[in-house]
Amino acid sequence: MSQLFTPVRIGRHIAPNRLVMAPMTRSRADAKGVPGDMTVTYYTQRASAGLIITEGVFPSALGKGYVNTPGMETEAQVAGWKRVTEAVHARGGRIFMQLMHCGRISHPSLLDGATPVAPSAIKPEGQAWTPAGQADFVTPRELTLAEIAGVIDDYRQATRRAIDAGFDGVELHAASGYLPEQFLSSASNHRQDQYGGSVKGRARFVLEALAAMAAEAGADRVGIKISPEMNYNSITDAAPQETYTYLVDQLRGQGLAYLHVALFGTTVDYHAMLRPRFDGTYLIGGGLTQDSAAALLADGKADATVFGSAFLANPDLPERFRQGAALNAPDRNTFFAPPTAKGYIDYPALAEA
């Protein structure tokens, strides 16, 4: 039997298979960041995953970066997510919440007029998705030291709310050009205090956010996602190999649930570089197929494998892989749609096809 269908320990949990559902922004929450009935259905349909990692969830209102993305700050948001976890658990699933603070990848129209924040006041290239359509990013406001402490506490409080809402754990989104990676990367972090300069300074924010999250949930219910050289959302780094080897070296001995590494477009084999440095469960994502995932597991290069659009379009992906069944094709036109069911909860399972 393929290792894809064997159990694996993910922190304090045992997943029955090694197929993890990737965090994917779907923009189906309401205008107040509350997940509704469709979100309950969406995640429940996919409860056969070894682990579900939710879409990015803003830990505080200033972390929002896109229209109709969900939060974890208000009582209504917590109540909405509790319905999700209860339904997933009723189906025998496991679910982590990904905490995503977008930092400078936002727009005042998404923040009640506030200016987006960042480690340094450097305007990113590109445009934000706003209620009125796409608009150029603005120059962010540089966070003060006191504000950095406040943002780290936002992660801590959101973690507590996630655990109270029934989540099995939380993931720190430190990829895709959002706030943690803005601190990590030399091009977006020009600070001269303890949160900038050397790689040690630039990694401090990520490590302190993880520590705050672990203080609430326990380290074995906290994971982290990184994506070296993805260069998404106007993020680059002068020495990415140095940055990420340093960061992962600091994660050793912390007892984290997992390290989630997704690679896109780089020629550097970061998995060969980073896996030996991490002493816990190692998740690989980024354009995998059933065969490539099985090979990674067989070769000992990963402990579990992460699938994005394949899970989006195939709610019963593990069973389809098990049977060698054909896969539904994802409809990219509905990835980030208004809050409608089309392309969200209407992909058929095998029994319905």
Protein backbone atom coordinates (compact mmCIF):
# COMPACT_ATOMS: atom_id res chain seq x y z
CA MET A 1 0.00 0.00 0.00
CA SER A 2 1.27 3.48 -0.85
CA GLN A 3 2.56 5.48 2.08
CA LEU A 4 0.01 8.14 1.08
CA PHE A 5 -2.58 6.09 2.93
CA THR A 6 -0.61 5.32 6.08
CA PRO A 7 -0.94 7.23 9.38
CA VAL A 8 1.46 10.01 10.32
CA ARG A 9 1.97 12.01 13.51
CA ILE A 10 1.35 15.75 13.12
CA GLY A 11 2.16 17.26 16.49
CA ARG A 12 -0.17 15.82 19.09
CA HIS A 13 -2.45 14.34 16.42
CA ILE A 14 -2.32 11.18 14.30
CA ALA A 15 -3.53 11.75 10.74
CA PRO A 16 -4.91 8.61 9.05
CA ASN A 17 -3.32 9.51 5.71
CA ARG A 18 -0.57 11.78 4.42
CA LEU A 19 -2.72 13.92 2.13
CA VAL A 20 -2.99 17.45 3.53
CA MET A 21 -5.38 20.05 2.17
CA ALA A 22 -3.46 23.25 1.48
CA PRO A 23 -4.56 26.65 2.76
CA MET A 24 -6.35 28.38 -0.13
CA THR A 25 -8.01 31.80 -0.06
CA ARG A 26 -11.55 31.44 -1.42
CA SER A 27 -13.16 34.81 -0.51
CA ARG A 28 -16.49 33.36 0.58
CA ALA A 29 -16.87 34.97 4.01
CA ASP A 30 -19.29 37.84 4.50
CA ALA A 31 -18.28 41.49 4.59
CA LYS A 32 -17.58 41.22 8.34
CA GLY A 33 -15.22 38.28 7.92
CA VAL A 34 -17.67 35.68 9.22
CA PRO A 35 -17.72 32.23 7.60
CA GLY A 36 -21.22 30.98 6.83
CA ASP A 37 -23.11 27.86 5.86
CA MET A 38 -21.22 27.33 2.61
CA THR A 39 -17.89 27.38 4.43
CA VAL A 40 -19.15 24.72 6.82
CA THR A 41 -20.12 22.57 3.84
CA TYR A 42 -16.86 23.24 1.98
CA TYR A 43 -14.59 22.01 4.75
CA THR A 44 -16.88 19.18 5.81
CA GLN A 45 -16.86 17.83 2.24
CA ARG A 46 -13.07 17.55 2.52
CA ALA A 47 -12.85 16.00 5.98
CA SER A 48 -11.24 12.82 4.63
CA ALA A 49 -7.95 14.72 4.27
CA GLY A 50 -5.30 13.62 6.73
CA LEU A 51 -5.29 17.28 7.79
CA ILE A 52 -7.15 20.36 6.55
CA ILE A 53 -5.33 23.68 6.77
CA THR A 54 -7.84 26.49 6.35
CA GLU A 55 -7.62 29.46 4.07
CA GLY A 56 -5.69 32.40 5.49
CA VAL A 57 -7.56 34.03 8.38
CA PHE A 58 -6.69 37.52 9.56
CA PRO A 59 -5.83 37.61 13.28
CA SER A 60 -6.94 41.23 13.59
CA ALA A 61 -8.78 43.68 11.36
CA LEU A 62 -5.54 45.41 10.31
CA GLY A 63 -4.31 42.10 8.89
CA LYS A 64 -7.06 41.82 6.27
CA GLY A 65 -5.84 41.98 2.69
CA TYR A 66 -8.64 40.80 0.42
CA VAL A 67 -12.38 41.13 -0.04
CA ASN A 68 -14.56 38.55 1.75
CA THR A 69 -11.75 36.84 3.63
CA PRO A 70 -12.50 35.51 7.12
CA GLY A 71 -11.16 36.72 10.45
CA MET A 72 -10.62 35.40 13.96
CA GLU A 73 -11.13 38.50 16.09
CA THR A 74 -14.85 38.99 16.77
CA GLU A 75 -17.32 36.79 18.61
CA ALA A 76 -19.27 36.30 15.39
CA GLN A 77 -16.18 35.09 13.57
CA VAL A 78 -15.34 32.66 16.36
CA ALA A 79 -18.90 31.33 16.35
CA GLY A 80 -18.81 30.87 12.58
CA TRP A 81 -15.57 28.91 12.74
CA LYS A 82 -16.83 26.78 15.63
CA ARG A 83 -19.56 25.50 13.36
CA VAL A 84 -16.85 24.52 10.86
CA THR A 85 -14.72 22.61 13.37
CA GLU A 86 -17.70 20.80 14.85
CA ALA A 87 -18.84 19.65 11.41
CA VAL A 88 -15.35 18.54 10.34
CA HIS A 89 -14.83 16.62 13.59
CA ALA A 90 -18.24 14.97 13.21
CA ARG A 91 -16.91 13.57 9.92
CA GLY A 92 -13.74 12.34 11.64
CA GLY A 93 -11.48 15.08 10.27
CA ARG A 94 -8.68 17.24 11.68
CA ILE A 95 -8.38 20.96 10.94
CA PHE A 96 -5.76 23.66 11.60
CA MET A 97 -6.41 27.37 11.12
CA GLN A 98 -3.89 29.32 9.07
CA LEU A 99 -3.30 32.79 10.54
CA MET A 100 -2.50 35.28 7.78
CA HIS A 101 -1.65 38.93 8.44
CA CYS A 102 -1.27 40.56 5.03
CA GLY A 103 0.68 43.60 6.23
CA ARG A 104 1.40 45.90 3.29
CA ILE A 105 -0.50 43.63 0.86
CA SER A 106 -3.75 45.42 1.60
CA HIS A 107 -5.48 48.73 0.95
CA PRO A 108 -7.14 51.44 3.09
CA SER A 109 -10.54 50.53 1.62
CA LEU A 110 -10.20 47.11 3.27
CA LEU A 111 -9.10 48.59 6.60
CA ASP A 112 -11.79 51.21 7.28
CA GLY A 113 -9.47 53.86 5.89
CA ALA A 114 -6.36 52.88 7.88
CA THR A 115 -2.98 52.67 6.16
CA PRO A 116 -1.59 49.13 5.83
CA VAL A 117 1.39 48.35 8.07
CA ALA A 118 4.76 46.78 7.36
CA PRO A 119 8.25 46.48 8.83
CA SER A 120 9.35 49.39 6.60
CA ALA A 121 7.52 52.06 4.61
CA ILE A 122 8.24 50.46 1.23
CA LYS A 123 5.44 50.35 -1.33
CA PRO A 124 4.97 46.96 -2.99
CA GLU A 125 4.40 46.62 -6.71
CA GLY A 126 1.01 45.47 -7.88
CA GLN A 127 -2.63 45.97 -6.96
CA ALA A 128 -4.97 45.07 -4.14
CA TRP A 129 -8.37 43.42 -4.52
CA THR A 130 -10.76 45.96 -3.01
CA PRO A 131 -14.57 46.20 -2.79
CA ALA A 132 -14.43 48.54 -5.81
CA GLY A 133 -12.10 46.35 -7.85
CA GLN A 134 -8.33 46.39 -8.21
CA ALA A 135 -6.41 49.39 -6.88
CA ASP A 136 -2.72 50.16 -6.65
CA PHE A 137 -1.04 49.27 -3.39
CA VAL A 138 -0.19 52.25 -1.19
CA THR A 139 2.96 53.00 0.76
CA PRO A 140 2.55 51.24 4.11
CA ARG A 141 3.21 52.71 7.52
CA GLU A 142 6.26 51.40 9.37
CA LEU A 143 5.33 49.62 12.59
CA THR A 144 6.74 50.99 15.83
CA LEU A 145 8.31 48.63 18.35
CA ALA A 146 5.23 48.88 20.54
CA GLU A 147 2.99 48.10 17.57
CA ILE A 148 5.10 45.05 16.67
CA ALA A 149 4.51 43.71 20.16
CA GLY A 150 0.81 44.37 19.65
CA VAL A 151 0.70 42.45 16.36
CA ILE A 152 2.49 39.50 17.96
CA ASP A 153 -0.13 39.58 20.69
CA ASP A 154 -2.82 39.60 18.00
CA TYR A 155 -1.42 36.27 16.80
CA ARG A 156 -1.50 34.99 20.37
CA GLN A 157 -5.10 36.04 20.93
CA ALA A 158 -6.25 34.65 17.57
CA THR A 159 -4.59 31.36 18.46
CA ARG A 160 -6.49 31.24 21.75
CA ARG A 161 -9.74 31.94 19.92
CA ALA A 162 -8.96 29.23 17.36
CA ILE A 163 -8.36 26.63 20.07
CA ASP A 164 -11.51 27.75 21.89
CA ALA A 165 -13.42 27.36 18.60
CA GLY A 166 -12.31 23.74 18.39
CA PHE A 167 -9.39 23.88 15.97
CA ASP A 168 -6.82 21.12 16.31
CA GLY A 169 -4.02 23.62 15.82
CA VAL A 170 -2.85 26.74 13.98
CA GLU A 171 -0.42 27.52 11.19
CA LEU A 172 1.63 30.73 10.91
CA HIS A 173 1.58 31.90 7.30
CA ALA A 174 5.14 33.09 6.78
CA ALA A 175 5.08 32.93 2.97
CA SER A 176 3.48 34.63 -0.06
CA GLY A 177 4.81 38.09 0.75
CA TYR A 178 2.61 38.70 3.80
CA LEU A 179 3.70 40.37 7.02
CA PRO A 180 5.99 37.65 8.47
CA GLU A 181 7.82 37.31 5.16
CA GLN A 182 7.96 41.09 4.87
CA PHE A 183 10.01 41.00 8.06
CA LEU A 184 12.12 38.08 6.84
CA SER A 185 13.09 39.51 3.47
CA SER A 186 15.85 42.04 3.00
CA ALA A 187 14.07 43.96 0.23
CA SER A 188 11.00 44.72 2.35
CA ASN A 189 12.70 45.13 5.75
CA HIS A 190 15.11 48.06 6.02
CA ARG A 191 14.81 48.46 9.78
CA GLN A 192 17.90 49.24 11.84
CA ASP A 193 16.53 48.04 15.20
CA GLN A 194 16.29 44.52 16.64
CA TYR A 195 13.72 43.50 13.99
CA GLY A 196 15.90 44.35 10.99
CA GLY A 197 19.39 44.37 9.61
CA SER A 198 20.96 40.92 9.97
CA VAL A 199 19.12 37.71 9.27
CA LYS A 200 18.87 37.24 13.03
CA GLY A 201 17.01 40.53 13.33
CA ARG A 202 14.78 39.92 10.32
CA ALA A 203 13.77 36.48 11.61
CA ARG A 204 12.90 37.77 15.08
CA PHE A 205 9.30 38.66 14.25
CA VAL A 206 8.52 35.18 12.90
CA LEU A 207 10.12 33.45 15.88
CA GLU A 208 8.36 35.67 18.41
CA ALA A 209 4.99 35.19 16.69
CA LEU A 210 5.49 31.40 16.78
CA ALA A 211 6.45 31.56 20.45
CA ALA A 212 3.31 33.56 21.25
CA MET A 213 1.14 31.08 19.38
CA ALA A 214 2.83 28.13 21.09
CA ALA A 215 2.26 29.74 24.49
CA GLU A 216 -1.50 29.51 23.86
CA ALA A 217 -1.87 26.27 21.94
CA GLY A 218 1.22 24.28 22.88
CA ALA A 219 4.03 24.00 20.32
CA ASP A 220 2.74 20.62 19.16
CA ARG A 221 -0.39 22.35 17.86
CA VAL A 222 1.50 25.04 15.92
CA GLY A 223 2.89 24.75 12.39
CA ILE A 224 4.57 27.21 10.06
CA LYS A 225 4.45 27.63 6.30
CA ILE A 226 7.35 29.04 4.29
CA SER A 227 7.95 29.30 0.55
CA PRO A 228 11.53 30.35 -0.26
CA GLU A 229 12.03 32.32 -3.48
CA MET A 230 8.34 32.25 -4.33
CA ASN A 231 8.78 36.01 -4.86
CA TYR A 232 5.02 36.58 -4.68
CA ASN A 233 3.50 39.93 -3.74
CA SER A 234 6.65 41.88 -4.58
CA ILE A 235 8.92 39.98 -2.14
CA THR A 236 12.57 39.24 -2.82
CA ASP A 237 15.56 38.54 -0.62
CA ALA A 238 19.25 39.19 -1.26
CA ALA A 239 20.36 35.87 0.27
CA PRO A 240 17.36 33.55 0.57
CA GLN A 241 19.37 30.41 1.28
CA GLU A 242 21.02 32.09 4.25
CA THR A 243 17.66 33.48 5.43
CA TYR A 244 15.80 30.18 5.38
CA THR A 245 18.55 27.95 6.71
CA TYR A 246 18.94 30.34 9.64
CA LEU A 247 15.19 30.41 10.26
CA VAL A 248 14.77 26.63 10.16
CA ASP A 249 17.82 26.13 12.37
CA GLN A 250 16.02 28.22 15.01
CA LEU A 251 12.95 25.96 14.81
CA ARG A 252 14.87 22.88 15.94
CA GLY A 253 14.00 21.73 19.42
CA GLN A 254 10.81 23.78 19.64
CA GLY A 255 8.52 20.78 19.26
CA LEU A 256 6.39 22.34 16.52
CA ALA A 257 3.64 20.29 14.90
CA TYR A 258 5.20 20.65 11.47
CA LEU A 259 7.18 22.68 8.97
CA HIS A 260 5.22 23.23 5.74
CA VAL A 261 7.49 24.10 2.78
CA ALA A 262 5.90 24.90 -0.59
CA LEU A 263 8.18 25.57 -3.55
CA PHE A 264 7.19 27.38 -6.73
CA GLY A 265 9.52 28.47 -9.51
CA THR A 266 12.89 28.09 -7.78
CA THR A 267 15.72 25.93 -9.10
CA VAL A 268 17.21 25.54 -5.62
CA ASP A 269 16.36 22.26 -3.85
CA TYR A 270 15.34 23.83 -0.57
CA HIS A 271 13.84 20.54 0.62
CA ALA A 272 17.27 18.89 0.54
CA MET A 273 18.63 21.91 2.40
CA LEU A 274 15.90 22.34 5.01
CA ARG A 275 14.55 18.89 5.84
CA PRO A 276 17.75 17.73 7.60
CA ARG A 277 17.68 20.92 9.68
CA PHE A 278 14.15 20.35 11.02
CA ASP A 279 13.54 17.74 13.69
CA GLY A 280 9.77 17.38 13.28
CA THR A 281 7.12 16.48 10.71
CA TYR A 282 8.00 17.87 7.30
CA LEU A 283 5.22 18.79 4.84
CA ILE A 284 5.94 19.37 1.14
CA GLY A 285 3.60 21.27 -1.16
CA GLY A 286 3.70 22.87 -4.57
CA GLY A 287 2.37 21.32 -7.77
CA LEU A 288 2.32 17.70 -6.60
CA THR A 289 0.65 14.77 -8.30
CA GLN A 290 -0.28 11.46 -6.70
CA ASP A 291 2.83 9.85 -8.16
CA SER A 292 5.23 12.63 -7.19
CA ALA A 293 3.78 12.75 -3.68
CA ALA A 294 4.14 8.99 -3.26
CA ALA A 295 7.73 9.19 -4.47
CA LEU A 296 8.58 11.93 -1.96
CA LEU A 297 7.25 9.77 0.86
CA ALA A 298 8.94 6.61 -0.38
CA ASP A 299 12.27 8.43 -0.63
CA GLY A 300 11.94 9.87 2.88
CA LYS A 301 11.92 13.43 1.60
CA ALA A 302 8.59 14.29 3.25
CA ASP A 303 6.37 13.01 6.04
CA ALA A 304 3.16 14.30 4.46
CA THR A 305 2.22 15.96 1.16
CA VAL A 306 0.09 19.04 0.56
CA PHE A 307 -2.42 19.47 -2.28
CA GLY A 308 -4.18 22.68 -3.25
CA SER A 309 -6.36 22.87 -6.36
CA ALA A 310 -6.71 19.08 -6.47
CA PHE A 311 -8.49 19.21 -3.09
CA LEU A 312 -10.43 22.30 -4.16
CA ALA A 313 -11.93 20.41 -7.12
CA ASN A 314 -12.09 16.96 -5.54
CA PRO A 315 -13.66 16.93 -2.08
CA ASP A 316 -12.96 13.18 -1.81
CA LEU A 317 -9.38 13.35 -3.12
CA PRO A 318 -7.98 10.55 -0.89
CA GLU A 319 -10.61 8.10 -2.12
CA ARG A 320 -10.07 9.10 -5.74
CA PHE A 321 -6.34 8.50 -5.33
CA ARG A 322 -7.01 5.20 -3.58
CA GLN A 323 -9.23 4.00 -6.45
CA GLY A 324 -7.17 5.52 -9.24
CA ALA A 325 -10.27 7.45 -10.31
CA ALA A 326 -10.31 10.44 -12.63
CA LEU A 327 -10.10 13.89 -11.05
CA ASN A 328 -12.42 16.85 -11.48
CA ALA A 329 -10.68 19.77 -13.19
CA PRO A 330 -10.57 22.97 -11.12
CA ASP A 331 -12.36 26.01 -12.52
CA ARG A 332 -9.96 28.89 -12.03
CA ASN A 333 -12.64 31.43 -12.86
CA THR A 334 -14.34 30.62 -9.55
CA PHE A 335 -11.29 30.43 -7.27
CA PHE A 336 -11.90 33.92 -5.85
CA ALA A 337 -15.56 34.47 -6.62
CA PRO A 338 -18.23 36.45 -4.80
CA PRO A 339 -19.75 34.37 -1.98
CA THR A 340 -21.54 31.87 -4.20
CA ALA A 341 -21.66 28.07 -4.29
CA LYS A 342 -20.39 27.77 -7.86
CA GLY A 343 -16.85 26.40 -7.91
CA TYR A 344 -16.92 26.13 -4.13
CA ILE A 345 -19.23 23.39 -2.88
CA ASP A 346 -20.63 22.02 -6.17
CA TYR A 347 -17.71 19.81 -7.25
CA PRO A 348 -19.08 16.25 -7.29
CA ALA A 349 -17.73 13.40 -5.20
CA LEU A 350 -17.24 10.00 -6.82
CA ALA A 351 -20.64 8.77 -5.71
CA GLU A 352 -22.25 11.75 -7.43
CA ALA A 353 -20.20 11.79 -10.62
